[in-house]
N, C-alpha and C. Protein backbone atom coordinates (compact mmCIF):
# COMPACT_ATOMS: atom_id res chain seq x y z
N PRO A 1 -53.68 52.08 3.78
CA PRO A 1 -55.11 52.84 3.47
C PRO A 1 -54.73 53.85 2.96
N ILE A 2 -55.70 54.46 2.15
CA ILE A 2 -55.87 56.18 1.88
C ILE A 2 -56.84 56.56 2.35
N SER A 3 -57.06 57.41 2.60
CA SER A 3 -58.30 57.97 3.01
C SER A 3 -58.83 59.52 2.34
N TYR A 4 -60.00 59.71 2.16
CA TYR A 4 -60.30 61.03 1.55
C TYR A 4 -61.60 61.10 2.15
N GLY A 5 -61.25 62.39 3.45
CA GLY A 5 -62.69 62.48 3.94
C GLY A 5 -62.86 61.35 5.13
N GLN A 6 -63.93 61.01 5.01
CA GLN A 6 -64.67 59.68 5.49
C GLN A 6 -64.51 58.40 4.96
N ILE A 7 -63.91 58.58 3.72
CA ILE A 7 -63.59 57.18 2.86
C ILE A 7 -62.46 56.66 2.95
N SER A 8 -61.98 55.45 3.54
CA SER A 8 -61.05 54.67 3.46
C SER A 8 -60.89 53.82 2.28
N ILE A 9 -59.90 53.77 1.72
CA ILE A 9 -59.39 52.63 0.69
C ILE A 9 -58.43 51.60 0.90
N HIS A 10 -58.79 50.60 0.67
CA HIS A 10 -57.85 49.39 0.98
C HIS A 10 -57.46 48.83 -0.28
N LEU A 11 -56.40 48.67 -0.67
CA LEU A 11 -55.85 47.68 -1.94
C LEU A 11 -56.01 46.08 -1.07
N LEU A 12 -56.78 45.51 -1.70
CA LEU A 12 -56.44 44.18 -1.19
C LEU A 12 -56.07 42.99 -1.82
N ALA A 13 -56.02 43.29 -3.42
CA ALA A 13 -55.23 42.32 -4.18
C ALA A 13 -54.74 42.97 -5.45
N GLN A 14 -53.88 42.53 -6.22
CA GLN A 14 -53.42 43.38 -7.21
C GLN A 14 -52.77 42.03 -8.15
N ASN A 15 -53.16 42.03 -9.63
CA ASN A 15 -52.62 41.06 -10.22
C ASN A 15 -52.09 42.01 -11.70
N LEU A 16 -51.02 42.28 -11.67
CA LEU A 16 -50.52 42.69 -12.76
C LEU A 16 -50.02 41.66 -14.12
N SER A 17 -50.30 42.28 -15.60
CA SER A 17 -49.81 41.30 -16.35
C SER A 17 -49.20 42.58 -17.54
N ASP A 18 -48.84 42.11 -18.72
CA ASP A 18 -48.40 42.91 -19.58
C ASP A 18 -49.15 43.73 -20.22
N GLU A 19 -50.21 43.36 -20.43
CA GLU A 19 -51.61 43.96 -21.31
C GLU A 19 -52.72 44.34 -20.12
N TRP A 20 -52.79 44.21 -18.98
CA TRP A 20 -53.75 44.57 -17.98
C TRP A 20 -53.28 44.43 -16.59
N ALA A 21 -54.32 45.18 -15.72
CA ALA A 21 -54.26 44.87 -14.30
C ALA A 21 -55.35 44.67 -13.67
N THR A 22 -55.69 43.78 -12.67
CA THR A 22 -56.60 43.34 -12.00
C THR A 22 -56.42 44.42 -10.46
N ARG A 23 -57.41 44.68 -9.67
CA ARG A 23 -57.11 45.16 -8.42
C ARG A 23 -58.38 44.93 -7.74
N GLU A 24 -58.30 44.56 -6.47
CA GLU A 24 -59.79 44.30 -5.53
C GLU A 24 -59.31 45.43 -4.60
N PHE A 25 -60.43 46.60 -4.50
CA PHE A 25 -60.31 47.44 -3.31
C PHE A 25 -61.62 46.93 -2.19
N ARG A 26 -61.35 47.47 -1.09
CA ARG A 26 -62.24 47.57 0.14
C ARG A 26 -62.27 49.08 0.35
N LEU A 27 -63.70 49.50 0.24
CA LEU A 27 -63.78 51.17 0.52
C LEU A 27 -64.78 50.88 1.64
N TRP A 28 -64.57 51.99 2.64
CA TRP A 28 -65.15 52.07 4.01
C TRP A 28 -65.14 53.51 4.30
N HIS A 29 -66.78 53.70 4.60
CA HIS A 29 -67.22 55.07 4.75
C HIS A 29 -67.52 55.32 6.24
N ASP A 30 -66.82 55.89 6.88
CA ASP A 30 -66.72 56.34 8.60
C ASP A 30 -68.16 56.56 8.81
N GLY A 31 -68.63 57.53 8.46
CA GLY A 31 -69.66 58.33 8.71
C GLY A 31 -70.99 57.09 8.72
N GLN A 32 -71.12 56.14 8.07
CA GLN A 32 -72.18 55.41 7.60
C GLN A 32 -71.91 53.84 7.92
N ARG A 33 -70.36 53.93 8.50
CA ARG A 33 -70.32 52.38 8.82
C ARG A 33 -70.28 51.47 7.66
N GLU A 34 -70.52 51.75 6.26
CA GLU A 34 -70.50 50.81 5.33
C GLU A 34 -69.23 50.45 4.73
N GLU A 35 -69.14 49.25 4.16
CA GLU A 35 -68.20 48.83 3.33
C GLU A 35 -68.66 48.32 1.78
N ARG A 36 -67.78 48.72 0.75
CA ARG A 36 -68.07 48.16 -0.41
C ARG A 36 -66.96 47.62 -1.00
N ARG A 37 -66.99 46.42 -1.62
CA ARG A 37 -65.77 45.89 -2.33
C ARG A 37 -65.98 46.59 -4.08
N VAL A 38 -64.78 46.62 -4.48
CA VAL A 38 -64.62 47.24 -5.76
C VAL A 38 -63.54 46.49 -6.32
N THR A 39 -63.70 46.09 -7.65
CA THR A 39 -62.97 45.15 -8.46
C THR A 39 -62.60 46.60 -9.59
N HIS A 40 -61.19 46.60 -9.84
CA HIS A 40 -60.61 47.46 -10.88
C HIS A 40 -60.18 46.74 -12.29
N LEU A 41 -60.73 46.67 -13.49
CA LEU A 41 -60.02 46.04 -14.35
C LEU A 41 -59.59 47.06 -15.36
N HIS A 42 -58.06 47.06 -15.49
CA HIS A 42 -57.40 48.10 -16.13
C HIS A 42 -56.52 47.53 -17.51
N TYR A 43 -57.12 48.09 -18.70
CA TYR A 43 -56.16 47.63 -19.78
C TYR A 43 -55.27 48.32 -19.95
N THR A 44 -54.01 48.24 -19.86
CA THR A 44 -52.73 49.21 -19.96
C THR A 44 -52.03 49.08 -21.58
N ALA A 45 -52.58 48.20 -22.30
CA ALA A 45 -51.87 47.89 -23.77
C ALA A 45 -52.14 48.94 -24.74
N TRP A 46 -53.07 50.01 -24.24
CA TRP A 46 -53.87 50.70 -25.46
C TRP A 46 -52.61 52.00 -25.20
N PRO A 47 -52.07 52.29 -26.42
CA PRO A 47 -50.73 53.38 -26.42
C PRO A 47 -51.35 54.63 -26.20
N ASP A 48 -50.39 55.74 -25.86
CA ASP A 48 -51.25 56.92 -25.36
C ASP A 48 -51.61 57.34 -26.64
N HIS A 49 -51.04 57.43 -27.49
CA HIS A 49 -51.19 58.26 -29.24
C HIS A 49 -51.52 57.12 -30.12
N GLY A 50 -52.56 56.67 -30.51
CA GLY A 50 -52.92 55.71 -31.49
C GLY A 50 -53.56 54.70 -30.91
N ILE A 51 -53.50 53.35 -31.94
CA ILE A 51 -54.34 52.20 -31.64
C ILE A 51 -53.14 51.20 -31.35
N PRO A 52 -53.88 49.94 -30.60
CA PRO A 52 -52.95 48.93 -30.57
C PRO A 52 -52.62 48.14 -31.71
N GLU A 53 -51.68 47.56 -32.04
CA GLU A 53 -51.04 46.66 -33.31
C GLU A 53 -52.00 45.46 -33.30
N SER A 54 -52.54 45.03 -32.22
CA SER A 54 -53.44 43.60 -32.47
C SER A 54 -54.38 43.93 -31.37
N ILE A 55 -55.47 43.29 -32.16
CA ILE A 55 -56.72 43.12 -31.40
C ILE A 55 -56.92 42.01 -30.29
N ALA A 56 -55.88 41.28 -30.43
CA ALA A 56 -55.95 39.88 -29.77
C ALA A 56 -55.89 40.26 -27.99
N SER A 57 -55.19 41.03 -27.69
CA SER A 57 -55.00 41.22 -26.09
C SER A 57 -56.34 42.04 -25.70
N MET A 58 -56.92 42.95 -26.56
CA MET A 58 -58.15 43.30 -26.28
C MET A 58 -59.22 42.40 -26.17
N MET A 59 -59.30 41.78 -26.88
CA MET A 59 -60.45 40.56 -27.00
C MET A 59 -60.21 39.79 -25.68
N ALA A 60 -59.31 39.25 -25.54
CA ALA A 60 -58.99 39.11 -24.26
C ALA A 60 -59.24 39.46 -22.96
N PHE A 61 -58.86 40.77 -22.85
CA PHE A 61 -59.25 41.78 -21.76
C PHE A 61 -61.02 41.57 -21.71
N LEU A 62 -61.43 41.73 -22.88
CA LEU A 62 -63.13 42.07 -23.03
C LEU A 62 -63.39 40.65 -22.49
N ASP A 63 -63.18 39.37 -22.77
CA ASP A 63 -63.64 38.02 -21.97
C ASP A 63 -63.29 38.09 -20.78
N LEU A 64 -62.22 38.34 -20.40
CA LEU A 64 -62.35 38.86 -18.73
C LEU A 64 -63.10 39.89 -18.17
N VAL A 65 -63.53 40.87 -18.73
CA VAL A 65 -64.37 41.70 -18.09
C VAL A 65 -65.68 41.21 -18.14
N GLN A 66 -66.17 40.58 -19.35
CA GLN A 66 -67.45 40.00 -19.36
C GLN A 66 -67.63 38.64 -18.37
N ALA A 67 -66.37 38.04 -18.45
CA ALA A 67 -66.57 36.73 -17.05
C ALA A 67 -66.71 37.37 -15.75
N HIS A 68 -66.26 38.54 -15.36
CA HIS A 68 -66.15 38.90 -14.20
C HIS A 68 -67.32 39.82 -14.14
N MET A 69 -68.03 40.51 -14.74
CA MET A 69 -69.67 40.91 -15.24
C MET A 69 -70.67 39.63 -14.80
N GLN A 70 -70.10 38.48 -15.17
CA GLN A 70 -71.50 37.68 -15.13
C GLN A 70 -71.23 36.68 -13.68
N SER A 71 -69.82 37.17 -13.17
CA SER A 71 -69.82 36.41 -11.82
C SER A 71 -70.29 37.09 -10.62
N VAL A 72 -70.67 38.51 -11.13
CA VAL A 72 -71.24 39.58 -10.24
C VAL A 72 -72.05 40.30 -10.53
N LYS A 73 -72.86 39.61 -11.27
CA LYS A 73 -74.10 40.44 -12.08
C LYS A 73 -75.24 40.88 -10.90
N ASP A 74 -75.17 40.33 -9.70
CA ASP A 74 -76.04 40.65 -8.86
C ASP A 74 -75.70 41.94 -7.87
N SER A 75 -74.60 42.33 -8.42
CA SER A 75 -73.61 42.98 -7.20
C SER A 75 -73.61 44.83 -7.75
N GLY A 76 -74.36 45.10 -8.61
CA GLY A 76 -74.57 46.48 -9.00
C GLY A 76 -74.12 46.56 -10.38
N PRO A 77 -74.08 47.86 -10.70
CA PRO A 77 -73.88 48.15 -12.34
C PRO A 77 -72.15 48.06 -12.50
N THR A 78 -71.80 47.74 -13.85
CA THR A 78 -70.41 47.92 -14.09
C THR A 78 -70.08 49.23 -14.82
N LEU A 79 -69.12 49.98 -14.19
CA LEU A 79 -68.68 51.15 -14.89
C LEU A 79 -67.61 50.93 -15.73
N VAL A 80 -67.76 51.77 -16.81
CA VAL A 80 -66.52 51.65 -17.89
C VAL A 80 -66.17 52.97 -18.17
N HIS A 81 -64.76 53.28 -18.12
CA HIS A 81 -64.49 54.55 -18.50
C HIS A 81 -63.03 54.81 -19.37
N CYS A 82 -62.85 55.83 -19.82
CA CYS A 82 -61.29 55.92 -20.41
C CYS A 82 -60.60 57.08 -19.62
N ARG A 83 -59.66 57.41 -20.05
CA ARG A 83 -58.59 58.35 -19.48
C ARG A 83 -59.03 59.72 -19.66
């Protein structure tokens, strides 16, 4: 685990593919004695400078994201970000 002040982060699971990674984290706040589970969906096939050659992998990743959102729809908001 890694700690940042009163918050500890534990990597529970990781699944790596050629085009994306999924990770499950457990966040623990020592001061509040509270735990949160976080799923991280990371699309890795986007080139640093440019655009992907095909949209097929991006569309498959979008399906994965939508399926995940549907399975946890009562768990709170989904956060999307880019670098």
